[in-house]
PDB file of all heavy atoms in Angstrom:
ATOM      1  N   ARG A   1     -42.007 -17.284 252.879  1.00  0.00           N
ATOM      2  CA  ARG A   1     -41.200 -18.540 252.604  1.00  0.00           C
ATOM      3  C   ARG A   1     -41.968 -19.825 252.834  1.00  0.00           C
ATOM      4  O   ARG A   1     -42.120 -20.603 251.867  1.00  0.00           O
ATOM      5  CB  ARG A   1     -39.892 -18.537 253.388  1.00  0.00           C
ATOM      6  CG  ARG A   1     -38.898 -17.427 252.859  1.00  0.00           C
ATOM      7  CD  ARG A   1     -37.825 -17.441 253.733  1.00  0.00           C
ATOM      8  NE  ARG A   1     -36.691 -16.362 253.410  1.00  0.00           N
ATOM      9  CZ  ARG A   1     -35.820 -15.905 254.246  1.00  0.00           C
ATOM     10  NH1 ARG A   1     -35.798 -16.365 255.394  1.00  0.00           N
ATOM     11  NH2 ARG A   1     -35.086 -14.953 253.674  1.00  0.00           N
ATOM     12  N   PRO A   2     -42.356 -20.076 254.148  1.00  0.00           N
ATOM     13  CA  PRO A   2     -43.133 -21.416 254.369  1.00  0.00           C
ATOM     14  C   PRO A   2     -44.405 -21.537 253.534  1.00  0.00           C
ATOM     15  O   PRO A   2     -44.723 -22.653 253.166  1.00  0.00           O
ATOM     16  CB  PRO A   2     -43.279 -21.423 255.896  1.00  0.00           C
ATOM     17  CG  PRO A   2     -43.102 -20.039 256.372  1.00  0.00           C
ATOM     18  CD  PRO A   2     -42.187 -19.322 255.374  1.00  0.00           C
ATOM     19  N   LEU A   3     -45.108 -20.283 253.478  1.00  0.00           N
ATOM     20  CA  LEU A   3     -46.385 -20.305 252.663  1.00  0.00           C
ATOM     21  C   LEU A   3     -46.097 -20.721 251.232  1.00  0.00           C
ATOM     22  O   LEU A   3     -46.925 -21.548 250.764  1.00  0.00           O
ATOM     23  CB  LEU A   3     -46.900 -18.951 252.763  1.00  0.00           C
ATOM     24  CG  LEU A   3     -48.277 -18.842 252.084  1.00  0.00           C
ATOM     25  CD1 LEU A   3     -49.427 -19.907 252.582  1.00  0.00           C
ATOM     26  CD2 LEU A   3     -48.896 -17.316 252.084  1.00  0.00           C
ATOM     27  N   THR A   4     -44.975 -20.258 250.614  1.00  0.00           N
ATOM     28  CA  THR A   4     -44.795 -20.606 249.185  1.00  0.00           C
ATOM     29  C   THR A   4     -44.398 -21.980 249.175  1.00  0.00           C
ATOM     30  O   THR A   4     -44.982 -22.761 248.235  1.00  0.00           O
ATOM     31  CB  THR A   4     -43.598 -19.708 248.846  1.00  0.00           C
ATOM     32  OG1 THR A   4     -44.023 -18.305 248.907  1.00  0.00           O
ATOM     33  CG2 THR A   4     -43.365 -20.045 247.323  1.00  0.00           C
ATOM     34  N   ALA A   5     -43.596 -22.525 250.074  1.00  0.00           N
ATOM     35  CA  ALA A   5     -43.194 -23.857 249.988  1.00  0.00           C
ATOM     36  C   ALA A   5     -44.496 -24.749 250.198  1.00  0.00           C
ATOM     37  O   ALA A   5     -44.645 -25.819 249.505  1.00  0.00           O
ATOM     38  CB  ALA A   5     -42.255 -24.159 251.068  1.00  0.00           C
ATOM     39  N   LEU A   6     -45.417 -24.345 251.097  1.00  0.00           N
ATOM     40  CA  LEU A   6     -46.553 -25.085 251.310  1.00  0.00           C
ATOM     41  C   LEU A   6     -47.496 -25.144 250.044  1.00  0.00           C
ATOM     42  O   LEU A   6     -47.928 -26.306 249.729  1.00  0.00           O
ATOM     43  CB  LEU A   6     -47.388 -24.654 252.389  1.00  0.00           C
ATOM     44  CG  LEU A   6     -48.666 -25.333 252.873  1.00  0.00           C
ATOM     45  CD1 LEU A   6     -48.283 -26.692 253.261  1.00  0.00           C
ATOM     46  CD2 LEU A   6     -49.417 -24.543 254.011  1.00  0.00           C
ATOM     47  N   LEU A   7     -47.588 -24.065 249.432  1.00  0.00           N
ATOM     48  CA  LEU A   7     -48.450 -23.991 248.159  1.00  0.00           C
ATOM     49  C   LEU A   7     -47.828 -24.917 247.144  1.00  0.00           C
ATOM     50  O   LEU A   7     -48.541 -25.630 246.300  1.00  0.00           O
ATOM     51  CB  LEU A   7     -48.545 -22.600 247.736  1.00  0.00           C
ATOM     52  CG  LEU A   7     -49.447 -21.670 248.656  1.00  0.00           C
ATOM     53  CD1 LEU A   7     -49.378 -20.256 248.156  1.00  0.00           C
ATOM     54  CD2 LEU A   7     -50.792 -22.208 248.744  1.00  0.00           C
ATOM     55  N   LEU A   8     -46.527 -24.893 246.955  1.00  0.00           N
ATOM     56  CA  LEU A   8     -45.783 -25.799 245.976  1.00  0.00           C
ATOM     57  C   LEU A   8     -46.105 -27.124 246.280  1.00  0.00           C
ATOM     58  O   LEU A   8     -46.361 -27.862 245.329  1.00  0.00           O
ATOM     59  CB  LEU A   8     -44.397 -25.417 245.998  1.00  0.00           C
ATOM     60  CG  LEU A   8     -43.510 -26.142 245.050  1.00  0.00           C
ATOM     61  CD1 LEU A   8     -43.976 -25.963 243.527  1.00  0.00           C
ATOM     62  CD2 LEU A   8     -42.010 -25.886 245.212  1.00  0.00           C
ATOM     63  N   THR A   9     -45.864 -27.436 247.487  1.00  0.00           N
ATOM     64  CA  THR A   9     -46.139 -28.900 247.984  1.00  0.00           C
ATOM     65  C   THR A   9     -47.471 -29.343 247.639  1.00  0.00           C
ATOM     66  O   THR A   9     -47.697 -30.404 247.118  1.00  0.00           O
ATOM     67  CB  THR A   9     -45.825 -29.149 249.408  1.00  0.00           C
ATOM     68  OG1 THR A   9     -44.434 -28.613 249.574  1.00  0.00           O
ATOM     69  CG2 THR A   9     -45.857 -30.521 249.704  1.00  0.00           C
ATOM     70  N   ALA A  10     -48.503 -28.575 247.931  1.00  0.00           N
ATOM     71  CA  ALA A  10     -49.840 -28.848 247.779  1.00  0.00           C
ATOM     72  C   ALA A  10     -50.181 -29.139 246.295  1.00  0.00           C
ATOM     73  O   ALA A  10     -50.901 -29.929 245.891  1.00  0.00           O
ATOM     74  CB  ALA A  10     -50.784 -27.816 248.257  1.00  0.00           C
ATOM     75  N   ALA A  11     -49.541 -28.313 245.422  1.00  0.00           N
ATOM     76  CA  ALA A  11     -49.624 -28.521 243.996  1.00  0.00           C
ATOM     77  C   ALA A  11     -49.039 -29.711 243.508  1.00  0.00           C
ATOM     78  O   ALA A  11     -49.547 -30.536 242.753  1.00  0.00           O
ATOM     79  CB  ALA A  11     -49.060 -27.292 243.297  1.00  0.00           C
ATOM     80  N   VAL A  12     -47.915 -29.957 243.950  1.00  0.00           N
ATOM     81  CA  VAL A  12     -47.204 -31.187 243.284  1.00  0.00           C
ATOM     82  C   VAL A  12     -47.749 -32.511 243.976  1.00  0.00           C
ATOM     83  O   VAL A  12     -47.413 -33.542 243.518  1.00  0.00           O
ATOM     84  CB  VAL A  12     -45.523 -31.122 243.564  1.00  0.00           C
ATOM     85  CG1 VAL A  12     -45.040 -29.833 242.923  1.00  0.00           C
ATOM     86  CG2 VAL A  12     -45.280 -31.133 245.044  1.00  0.00           C
ATOM     87  N   ALA A  13     -48.297 -32.415 245.062  1.00  0.00           N
ATOM     88  CA  ALA A  13     -48.831 -33.604 245.730  1.00  0.00           C
ATOM     89  C   ALA A  13     -49.961 -34.242 244.784  1.00  0.00           C
ATOM     90  O   ALA A  13     -50.126 -35.520 244.833  1.00  0.00           O
ATOM     91  CB  ALA A  13     -49.533 -33.279 247.025  1.00  0.00           C
ATOM     92  N   LEU A  14     -50.451 -33.533 244.000  1.00  0.00           N
ATOM     93  CA  LEU A  14     -51.568 -34.085 242.951  1.00  0.00           C
ATOM     94  C   LEU A  14     -50.971 -34.568 241.745  1.00  0.00           C
ATOM     95  O   LEU A  14     -51.426 -35.304 240.945  1.00  0.00           O
ATOM     96  CB  LEU A  14     -52.402 -32.912 242.471  1.00  0.00           C
ATOM     97  CG  LEU A  14     -53.197 -32.193 243.669  1.00  0.00           C
ATOM     98  CD1 LEU A  14     -53.958 -31.043 243.106  1.00  0.00           C
ATOM     99  CD2 LEU A  14     -53.890 -33.192 244.414  1.00  0.00           C
ATOM    100  N   VAL A  15     -49.567 -34.467 241.649  1.00  0.00           N
ATOM    101  CA  VAL A  15     -48.792 -34.983 240.473  1.00  0.00           C
ATOM    102  C   VAL A  15     -48.313 -36.416 240.751  1.00  0.00           C
ATOM    103  O   VAL A  15     -47.622 -36.709 241.737  1.00  0.00           O
ATOM    104  CB  VAL A  15     -47.620 -34.190 239.982  1.00  0.00           C
ATOM    105  CG1 VAL A  15     -46.980 -34.683 238.839  1.00  0.00           C
ATOM    106  CG2 VAL A  15     -48.060 -32.722 239.724  1.00  0.00           C
ATOM    107  N   PRO A  16     -48.639 -37.490 240.020  1.00  0.00           N
ATOM    108  CA  PRO A  16     -48.095 -38.853 240.224  1.00  0.00           C
ATOM    109  C   PRO A  16     -46.683 -38.916 240.223  1.00  0.00           C
ATOM    110  O   PRO A  16     -45.985 -38.154 239.462  1.00  0.00           O
ATOM    111  CB  PRO A  16     -48.677 -39.709 239.066  1.00  0.00           C
ATOM    112  CG  PRO A  16     -49.904 -38.913 238.568  1.00  0.00           C
ATOM    113  CD  PRO A  16     -49.446 -37.402 238.873  1.00  0.00           C
ATOM    114  N   ALA A  17     -45.943 -39.545 241.175  1.00  0.00           N
ATOM    115  CA  ALA A  17     -44.625 -39.589 241.237  1.00  0.00           C
ATOM    116  C   ALA A  17     -44.096 -40.398 240.110  1.00  0.00           C
ATOM    117  O   ALA A  17     -44.545 -41.592 239.906  1.00  0.00           O
ATOM    118  CB  ALA A  17     -44.116 -40.333 242.621  1.00  0.00           C
ATOM    119  N   ALA A  18     -43.129 -39.940 239.423  1.00  0.00           N
ATOM    120  CA  ALA A  18     -42.426 -40.598 238.257  1.00  0.00           C
ATOM    121  C   ALA A  18     -41.528 -41.719 238.720  1.00  0.00           C
ATOM    122  O   ALA A  18     -40.897 -41.631 239.740  1.00  0.00           O
ATOM    123  CB  ALA A  18     -41.684 -39.640 237.525  1.00  0.00           C
ATOM    124  N   GLY A  19     -41.645 -42.785 237.936  1.00  0.00           N
ATOM    125  CA  GLY A  19     -40.780 -43.963 238.349  1.00  0.00           C
ATOM    126  C   GLY A  19     -41.280 -44.818 239.355  1.00  0.00           C
ATOM    127  O   GLY A  19     -40.481 -45.798 239.750  1.00  0.00           O
ATOM    128  N   VAL A  20     -42.429 -44.582 239.854  1.00  0.00           N
ATOM    129  CA  VAL A  20     -42.903 -45.482 240.979  1.00  0.00           C
ATOM    130  C   VAL A  20     -43.589 -46.658 240.304  1.00  0.00           C
ATOM    131  O   VAL A  20     -44.447 -46.500 239.305  1.00  0.00           O
ATOM    132  CB  VAL A  20     -44.011 -44.707 241.767  1.00  0.00           C
ATOM    133  CG1 VAL A  20     -44.541 -45.634 242.877  1.00  0.00           C
ATOM    134  CG2 VAL A  20     -43.348 -43.490 242.402  1.00  0.00           C
ATOM    135  N   THR A  21     -43.281 -47.863 240.712  1.00  0.00           N
ATOM    136  CA  THR A  21     -43.911 -49.028 240.097  1.00  0.00           C
ATOM    137  C   THR A  21     -45.386 -49.002 240.445  1.00  0.00           C
ATOM    138  O   THR A  21     -45.804 -48.641 241.485  1.00  0.00           O
ATOM    139  CB  THR A  21     -43.150 -50.276 240.682  1.00  0.00           C
ATOM    140  OG1 THR A  21     -43.408 -50.366 242.015  1.00  0.00           O
ATOM    141  CG2 THR A  21     -41.663 -50.139 240.410  1.00  0.00           C
ATOM    142  N   GLN A  22     -46.093 -49.808 239.589  1.00  0.00           N
ATOM    143  CA  GLN A  22     -47.495 -49.976 239.763  1.00  0.00           C
ATOM    144  C   GLN A  22     -47.706 -50.808 241.129  1.00  0.00           C
ATOM    145  O   GLN A  22     -48.668 -50.428 241.898  1.00  0.00           O
ATOM    146  CB  GLN A  22     -48.147 -50.706 238.632  1.00  0.00           C
ATOM    147  CG  GLN A  22     -49.687 -50.781 238.659  1.00  0.00           C
ATOM    148  CD  GLN A  22     -50.281 -49.325 238.698  1.00  0.00           C
ATOM    149  OE1 GLN A  22     -49.892 -48.503 237.915  1.00  0.00           O
ATOM    150  NE2 GLN A  22     -51.312 -49.178 239.594  1.00  0.00           N
ATOM    151  N   ALA A  23     -46.919 -51.624 241.429  1.00  0.00           N
ATOM    152  CA  ALA A  23     -46.961 -52.542 242.603  1.00  0.00           C
ATOM    153  C   ALA A  23     -46.839 -51.602 243.888  1.00  0.00           C
ATOM    154  O   ALA A  23     -47.634 -51.712 244.771  1.00  0.00           O
ATOM    155  CB  ALA A  23     -46.003 -53.591 242.587  1.00  0.00           C
ATOM    156  N   ALA A  24     -45.979 -50.663 243.858  1.00  0.00           N
ATOM    157  CA  ALA A  24     -45.743 -49.729 244.872  1.00  0.00           C
ATOM    158  C   ALA A  24     -46.954 -48.881 245.017  1.00  0.00           C
ATOM    159  O   ALA A  24     -47.443 -48.535 246.077  1.00  0.00           O
ATOM    160  CB  ALA A  24     -44.455 -48.999 244.837  1.00  0.00           C
ATOM    161  N   GLN A  25     -47.590 -48.385 243.853  1.00  0.00           N
ATOM    162  CA  GLN A  25     -48.645 -47.466 243.918  1.00  0.00           C
ATOM    163  C   GLN A  25     -49.899 -48.205 244.534  1.00  0.00           C
ATOM    164  O   GLN A  25     -50.564 -47.603 245.239  1.00  0.00           O
ATOM    165  CB  GLN A  25     -49.099 -47.039 242.572  1.00  0.00           C
ATOM    166  CG  GLN A  25     -48.078 -45.967 241.968  1.00  0.00           C
ATOM    167  CD  GLN A  25     -48.342 -45.685 240.572  1.00  0.00           C
ATOM    168  OE1 GLN A  25     -48.880 -46.451 239.757  1.00  0.00           O
ATOM    169  NE2 GLN A  25     -48.094 -44.434 240.116  1.00  0.00           N
ATOM    170  N   ASN A  26     -49.872 -49.515 244.412  1.00  0.00           N
ATOM    171  CA  ASN A  26     -51.094 -50.238 244.974  1.00  0.00           C
ATOM    172  C   ASN A  26     -50.858 -50.738 246.400  1.00  0.00           C
ATOM    173  O   ASN A  26     -51.696 -51.306 247.061  1.00  0.00           O
ATOM    174  CB  ASN A  26     -51.364 -51.423 244.070  1.00  0.00           C
ATOM    175  CG  ASN A  26     -51.896 -50.999 242.743  1.00  0.00           C
ATOM    176  OD1 ASN A  26     -52.428 -49.905 242.576  1.00  0.00           O
ATOM    177  ND2 ASN A  26     -51.674 -51.769 241.718  1.00  0.00           N
TER     178      ASN A  26
END
């Protein structure tokens, strides 16, 4: 369970967060 969640999190961490303003990203 925690291993699967960790792998999922590691994968999505590389995906830019939708709806985040450019100012916030910077």
